[in-house]
N, C-alpha and C. Protein backbone atom coordinates (compact mmCIF):
# COMPACT_ATOMS: atom_id res chain seq x y z
N UNK A 1 -57.18 90.69 65.47
CA UNK A 1 -57.85 91.93 65.11
C UNK A 1 -59.09 92.56 65.84
N UNK A 2 -60.17 91.87 66.20
CA UNK A 2 -60.73 91.77 67.45
C UNK A 2 -61.01 92.48 68.49
N UNK A 3 -59.66 92.26 68.90
CA UNK A 3 -58.85 93.23 69.80
C UNK A 3 -59.12 95.23 69.36
N UNK A 4 -59.08 95.05 68.95
CA UNK A 4 -58.89 96.84 68.24
C UNK A 4 -60.21 97.18 67.64
N UNK A 5 -61.37 96.38 67.62
CA UNK A 5 -62.30 96.97 67.52
C UNK A 5 -62.75 97.70 68.54
N UNK A 6 -63.80 98.96 68.31
CA UNK A 6 -64.97 99.52 69.47
C UNK A 6 -65.97 98.90 68.74
N UNK A 7 -67.00 97.85 69.58
CA UNK A 7 -67.69 97.40 69.05
C UNK A 7 -69.01 98.97 69.55
N UNK A 8 -69.36 99.10 70.50
CA UNK A 8 -70.00 100.34 70.83
C UNK A 8 -69.98 101.10 69.90
N UNK A 9 -69.15 101.19 69.33
CA UNK A 9 -69.09 102.54 68.00
C UNK A 9 -69.21 102.19 66.84
N UNK A 10 -68.97 101.09 66.83
CA UNK A 10 -69.42 100.20 65.69
C UNK A 10 -71.12 99.79 65.70
N UNK A 11 -71.66 99.86 66.93
CA UNK A 11 -73.17 99.41 66.27
C UNK A 11 -74.01 100.88 66.68
N UNK A 12 -73.21 101.58 67.20
CA UNK A 12 -73.86 102.93 66.99
C UNK A 12 -73.79 103.68 65.63
N UNK A 13 -73.07 103.01 65.22
CA UNK A 13 -72.84 103.93 63.55
C UNK A 13 -73.84 103.05 62.33
N UNK A 14 -74.52 101.98 63.02
CA UNK A 14 -75.24 101.23 62.05
C UNK A 14 -75.28 100.65 60.73
N UNK A 15 -74.17 100.32 60.81
CA UNK A 15 -73.31 99.92 59.38
C UNK A 15 -74.43 98.81 58.48
N UNK A 16 -74.37 98.92 57.24
CA UNK A 16 -74.93 97.97 56.49
C UNK A 16 -74.07 96.58 56.52
N UNK A 17 -72.53 96.61 56.28
CA UNK A 17 -72.24 95.80 56.01
C UNK A 17 -71.47 94.94 57.17
N UNK A 18 -71.93 93.81 57.70
CA UNK A 18 -70.72 93.29 58.75
C UNK A 18 -69.27 93.26 58.95
N UNK A 19 -68.87 93.52 57.52
CA UNK A 19 -67.34 93.88 57.67
C UNK A 19 -66.86 95.31 57.89
N UNK A 20 -67.92 96.17 58.28
CA UNK A 20 -67.85 97.14 58.74
C UNK A 20 -67.59 97.35 59.93
N UNK A 21 -66.26 98.63 60.41
CA UNK A 21 -66.30 98.87 61.58
C UNK A 21 -65.60 99.77 62.00
N UNK A 22 -65.68 100.02 63.83
CA UNK A 22 -64.64 100.98 64.35
C UNK A 22 -63.48 101.23 64.92
N UNK A 23 -62.41 101.43 65.03
CA UNK A 23 -60.99 100.44 65.66
C UNK A 23 -60.88 101.31 66.74
N UNK A 24 -60.09 101.04 67.93
CA UNK A 24 -60.45 101.84 69.16
C UNK A 24 -59.84 103.17 69.35
N UNK A 25 -58.79 103.73 67.86
CA UNK A 25 -58.14 104.70 67.58
C UNK A 25 -59.11 105.63 66.77
N UNK A 26 -60.35 105.34 66.18
CA UNK A 26 -61.17 106.18 65.89
C UNK A 26 -61.32 105.56 64.62
N UNK A 27 -60.26 104.87 64.05
CA UNK A 27 -60.35 104.97 62.29
C UNK A 27 -61.56 103.78 61.81
N UNK A 28 -62.13 103.78 60.70
CA UNK A 28 -63.44 103.56 59.85
C UNK A 28 -62.86 102.47 58.86
N UNK A 29 -63.17 101.03 59.14
CA UNK A 29 -62.69 100.05 57.85
C UNK A 29 -64.06 99.52 57.25
N UNK A 30 -63.91 100.06 56.28
CA UNK A 30 -65.57 100.16 55.77
C UNK A 30 -66.17 98.98 54.74
N UNK A 31 -66.97 98.05 54.68
CA UNK A 31 -67.25 97.12 54.17
C UNK A 31 -68.36 97.73 52.41
N UNK A 32 -68.38 97.03 51.48
CA UNK A 32 -68.67 97.61 50.06
C UNK A 32 -70.13 98.78 50.30
N UNK A 33 -70.87 98.32 51.03
CA UNK A 33 -72.09 98.84 50.96
C UNK A 33 -71.74 100.54 51.44
N UNK A 34 -71.34 100.38 52.93
CA UNK A 34 -70.84 101.36 53.63
C UNK A 34 -69.57 102.39 52.77
N UNK A 35 -68.78 101.53 52.10
CA UNK A 35 -67.90 102.24 51.30
C UNK A 35 -68.51 102.94 49.73
N UNK A 36 -70.15 102.43 49.58
CA UNK A 36 -70.03 103.15 48.30
C UNK A 36 -71.09 104.28 48.89
N UNK A 37 -71.43 103.95 50.31
CA UNK A 37 -72.34 105.42 50.57
C UNK A 37 -71.01 106.74 50.60
N UNK A 38 -70.03 106.37 51.73
CA UNK A 38 -69.09 106.72 51.92
C UNK A 38 -68.41 107.81 50.73
N UNK A 39 -68.67 107.11 49.42
CA UNK A 39 -68.24 107.79 48.36
C UNK A 39 -68.99 108.94 48.03
N UNK A 40 -70.13 108.50 48.04
CA UNK A 40 -71.86 109.38 47.94
C UNK A 40 -71.69 110.66 48.58
N UNK A 41 -70.98 110.39 50.18
CA UNK A 41 -70.80 111.72 50.66
C UNK A 41 -69.48 112.42 50.22
N UNK A 42 -68.72 111.78 49.66
CA UNK A 42 -67.42 112.47 49.50
C UNK A 42 -67.87 113.44 47.77
N UNK A 43 -68.57 112.50 47.29
CA UNK A 43 -68.67 113.43 46.31
C UNK A 43 -69.48 114.39 46.07
N UNK A 44 -70.89 114.60 47.39
CA UNK A 44 -71.41 116.06 48.05
C UNK A 44 -70.29 116.68 48.31
N UNK A 45 -69.54 116.50 49.09
CA UNK A 45 -68.85 117.22 49.28
C UNK A 45 -67.84 118.09 48.72
N UNK A 46 -67.83 117.50 47.28
CA UNK A 46 -66.90 117.93 46.79
C UNK A 46 -67.61 118.74 45.51
N UNK A 47 -68.64 118.01 45.40
CA UNK A 47 -69.59 118.99 44.58
C UNK A 47 -69.47 118.54 43.11
N UNK A 48 -68.55 117.28 43.12
CA UNK A 48 -68.28 116.31 41.83
C UNK A 48 -67.09 116.97 40.79
N UNK A 49 -66.21 117.83 41.92
CA UNK A 49 -64.95 118.27 41.17
C UNK A 49 -63.92 117.81 41.77
N UNK A 50 -62.75 118.18 41.55
CA UNK A 50 -61.34 117.42 42.23
C UNK A 50 -61.15 118.34 43.22
N UNK A 51 -60.67 118.09 44.28
CA UNK A 51 -60.47 118.82 45.74
C UNK A 51 -58.98 119.00 45.56
N UNK A 52 -58.43 119.10 44.52
CA UNK A 52 -57.01 119.02 44.89
C UNK A 52 -56.69 120.93 44.58
N UNK A 53 -55.52 121.38 45.70
CA UNK A 53 -55.58 122.63 45.27
C UNK A 53 -53.76 122.98 44.88
N UNK A 54 -53.61 124.11 44.38
CA UNK A 54 -52.34 124.18 43.98
C UNK A 54 -52.28 125.62 44.47
N UNK A 55 -50.85 126.02 44.94
CA UNK A 55 -50.58 127.05 45.63
C UNK A 55 -49.78 127.77 45.01
N UNK A 56 -49.99 129.23 44.55
CA UNK A 56 -49.71 129.94 43.92
C UNK A 56 -49.06 131.68 44.26
N UNK A 57 -48.21 132.01 43.73
CA UNK A 57 -47.86 133.60 44.56
C UNK A 57 -48.50 134.12 43.47
N UNK A 58 -48.90 134.97 44.40
CA UNK A 58 -50.16 135.92 43.70
C UNK A 58 -49.14 136.94 43.40
N UNK A 59 -49.33 137.74 41.99
CA UNK A 59 -48.53 138.70 41.22
C UNK A 59 -48.74 139.64 41.85
N UNK A 60 -49.84 140.01 41.82
CA UNK A 60 -50.33 141.52 42.87
C UNK A 60 -49.95 141.62 43.99
N UNK A 61 -49.39 141.22 45.05
CA UNK A 61 -49.04 141.19 46.11
C UNK A 61 -47.84 142.24 46.28
N UNK A 62 -47.70 142.56 47.44
CA UNK A 62 -46.59 143.76 47.17
C UNK A 62 -45.05 142.58 47.50
N UNK A 63 -43.67 142.75 46.99
CA UNK A 63 -42.59 142.31 46.96
C UNK A 63 -42.36 141.98 48.40
N UNK A 64 -42.72 142.63 49.55
CA UNK A 64 -42.56 142.27 50.58
C UNK A 64 -43.12 141.56 51.32
N UNK A 65 -44.58 141.60 51.12
CA UNK A 65 -45.25 140.62 51.63
C UNK A 65 -45.93 139.80 50.55
N UNK A 66 -45.51 138.26 50.54
CA UNK A 66 -45.63 137.76 49.60
C UNK A 66 -47.32 136.93 49.69
N UNK A 67 -48.07 136.67 49.03
CA UNK A 67 -49.31 135.97 48.96
C UNK A 67 -49.34 134.49 48.22
N UNK A 68 -49.57 133.53 49.39
CA UNK A 68 -49.68 132.52 48.00
C UNK A 68 -51.54 132.81 47.94
N UNK A 69 -51.91 132.50 46.45
CA UNK A 69 -53.47 131.68 46.52
C UNK A 69 -53.57 130.14 46.13
N UNK A 70 -54.59 130.11 46.62
CA UNK A 70 -55.04 128.70 46.43
C UNK A 70 -55.81 128.21 45.58
N UNK A 71 -55.80 127.81 44.32
CA UNK A 71 -56.46 127.68 43.53
C UNK A 71 -56.86 126.16 43.43
N UNK A 72 -58.09 125.98 42.95
CA UNK A 72 -58.88 124.60 43.15
C UNK A 72 -59.05 124.11 41.76
N UNK A 73 -58.41 122.56 41.59
CA UNK A 73 -58.45 122.04 40.25
C UNK A 73 -59.90 122.62 39.26
N UNK A 74 -60.20 122.55 38.07
CA UNK A 74 -61.32 122.92 37.88
C UNK A 74 -61.99 121.37 36.98
N UNK A 75 -61.32 120.05 37.34
CA UNK A 75 -61.72 119.05 36.64
C UNK A 75 -62.67 118.24 37.12
N UNK A 76 -63.39 117.12 36.82
CA UNK A 76 -63.79 116.66 37.42
C UNK A 76 -63.68 115.32 38.54
N UNK A 77 -63.97 114.86 39.29
CA UNK A 77 -63.43 113.90 40.36
C UNK A 77 -63.88 112.72 39.52
N UNK A 78 -62.75 111.88 39.78
CA UNK A 78 -63.09 110.37 39.21
C UNK A 78 -62.83 109.40 40.74
N UNK A 79 -62.08 109.74 41.56
CA UNK A 79 -61.29 108.87 42.38
C UNK A 79 -61.05 109.00 43.73
N UNK A 80 -61.71 108.49 44.69
CA UNK A 80 -61.45 108.63 45.88
C UNK A 80 -60.12 108.54 46.13
N UNK A 81 -59.26 109.42 46.81
CA UNK A 81 -58.01 109.36 46.80
C UNK A 81 -57.91 109.05 48.62
N UNK A 82 -56.95 108.12 49.56
CA UNK A 82 -56.66 108.19 50.54
C UNK A 82 -55.19 108.96 51.41
N UNK A 83 -55.77 110.10 52.14
CA UNK A 83 -54.96 111.10 52.92
C UNK A 83 -53.89 110.15 53.23
N UNK A 84 -53.90 109.79 54.33
CA UNK A 84 -53.01 108.57 54.87
C UNK A 84 -53.52 107.11 54.44
N UNK A 85 -52.28 106.85 52.99
CA UNK A 85 -52.40 106.09 52.42
C UNK A 85 -53.25 104.40 52.74
N UNK A 86 -54.09 103.64 52.62
CA UNK A 86 -54.99 102.54 52.72
C UNK A 86 -53.62 101.56 53.46
N UNK A 87 -52.71 101.57 52.37
CA UNK A 87 -51.60 100.66 52.99
C UNK A 87 -50.90 100.62 54.22
N UNK A 88 -50.81 101.60 54.67
CA UNK A 88 -50.02 101.76 55.78
C UNK A 88 -50.88 102.48 57.44
N UNK A 89 -52.00 102.85 57.06
CA UNK A 89 -53.23 102.72 58.40
C UNK A 89 -54.41 102.73 57.51
N UNK A 90 -54.94 101.62 57.24
CA UNK A 90 -56.50 102.51 56.69
C UNK A 90 -57.22 102.95 57.48
N UNK A 91 -57.66 103.89 56.49
CA UNK A 91 -58.79 104.96 57.65
C UNK A 91 -59.85 105.21 56.48
N UNK A 92 -60.93 104.76 56.27
CA UNK A 92 -61.63 105.03 55.53
C UNK A 92 -63.23 106.73 55.97
N UNK A 93 -62.75 107.10 56.96
CA UNK A 93 -64.05 108.25 57.48
C UNK A 93 -63.12 109.26 56.23
N UNK A 94 -64.48 110.65 56.42
CA UNK A 94 -64.47 111.26 55.24
C UNK A 94 -63.17 112.01 55.53
N UNK A 95 -63.16 112.51 56.32
CA UNK A 95 -62.00 113.18 56.87
C UNK A 95 -60.77 112.69 56.09
N UNK A 96 -60.58 111.59 56.01
CA UNK A 96 -59.05 111.06 55.35
C UNK A 96 -59.33 110.76 53.70
N UNK A 97 -60.02 111.31 53.32
CA UNK A 97 -60.67 111.13 52.04
C UNK A 97 -60.86 112.60 51.30
N UNK A 98 -60.15 112.50 49.97
CA UNK A 98 -59.71 113.17 48.93
C UNK A 98 -60.82 112.99 47.29
N UNK A 99 -61.29 114.04 46.85
CA UNK A 99 -62.21 113.04 45.45
C UNK A 99 -60.96 114.14 44.70
N UNK A 100 -60.43 113.07 43.62
CA UNK A 100 -59.50 113.32 42.69
C UNK A 100 -59.92 113.38 41.27
N UNK A 101 -59.16 113.81 40.62
CA UNK A 101 -59.52 113.92 38.92
C UNK A 101 -58.01 112.86 38.62
N UNK A 102 -58.46 112.10 37.69
CA UNK A 102 -57.30 111.40 37.30
C UNK A 102 -55.79 111.65 37.82
N UNK A 103 -55.39 112.91 36.67
CA UNK A 103 -54.38 113.48 36.62
C UNK A 103 -53.55 114.14 38.24
N UNK A 104 -54.44 114.17 38.93
CA UNK A 104 -53.94 114.37 40.55
C UNK A 104 -53.88 113.24 41.04
N UNK A 105 -54.69 112.24 40.94
CA UNK A 105 -54.35 111.44 41.75
C UNK A 105 -53.58 110.07 41.10
N UNK A 106 -53.01 110.35 40.04
CA UNK A 106 -51.64 109.96 39.84
C UNK A 106 -50.73 110.51 39.89
N UNK A 107 -50.57 112.02 40.00
CA UNK A 107 -49.61 112.90 40.61
C UNK A 107 -49.46 112.58 41.97
N UNK A 108 -50.19 112.50 42.83
CA UNK A 108 -50.37 112.22 44.22
C UNK A 108 -49.56 110.85 44.64
N UNK A 109 -50.59 109.81 44.33
CA UNK A 109 -50.04 108.54 44.55
C UNK A 109 -49.06 108.08 43.73
N UNK A 110 -48.37 108.48 42.42
CA UNK A 110 -47.40 107.58 41.64
C UNK A 110 -47.61 106.44 41.81
N UNK A 111 -48.71 106.07 41.19
CA UNK A 111 -48.85 104.49 41.14
C UNK A 111 -49.93 104.57 40.54
N UNK A 112 -50.26 103.17 39.59
CA UNK A 112 -51.34 102.94 38.71
C UNK A 112 -52.77 102.64 39.58
N UNK A 113 -53.22 103.06 39.06
CA UNK A 113 -54.89 103.35 39.76
C UNK A 113 -55.74 102.45 38.91
N UNK A 114 -56.31 101.06 40.22
CA UNK A 114 -57.03 100.41 39.14
C UNK A 114 -56.64 99.87 37.86
N UNK A 115 -55.36 99.72 37.84
CA UNK A 115 -54.62 98.89 36.74
C UNK A 115 -54.97 99.90 35.42
N UNK A 116 -55.55 101.35 35.60
CA UNK A 116 -55.79 102.03 34.35
C UNK A 116 -54.40 102.92 34.06
N UNK A 117 -54.20 102.70 32.75
CA UNK A 117 -52.78 103.49 32.20
C UNK A 117 -53.19 104.96 32.50
């Protein structure tokens, strides 16, 4: 695993945790203090609100030019969600994270979250 680490990029990020690292392909794997910081960045980006968007047909658009509206969820964000699942290719970069409410996290993930029902 050490062969996959980008040592220069890891040092440049000045992570708090010795377990945090940048891989050669650019992915970040974060230890606990850096993960907490990343979640704070995610919450700042989303404004505390779920980032899930539904795409619905605009009923006022002409039939020959259907238009989709992007409607963002109104619920409070509770869970950070990895767009590319952690189990497949762990990547803790902000670009791979989405803040979701519990409803949408369960809907997207299709599995229990942290043991909660």
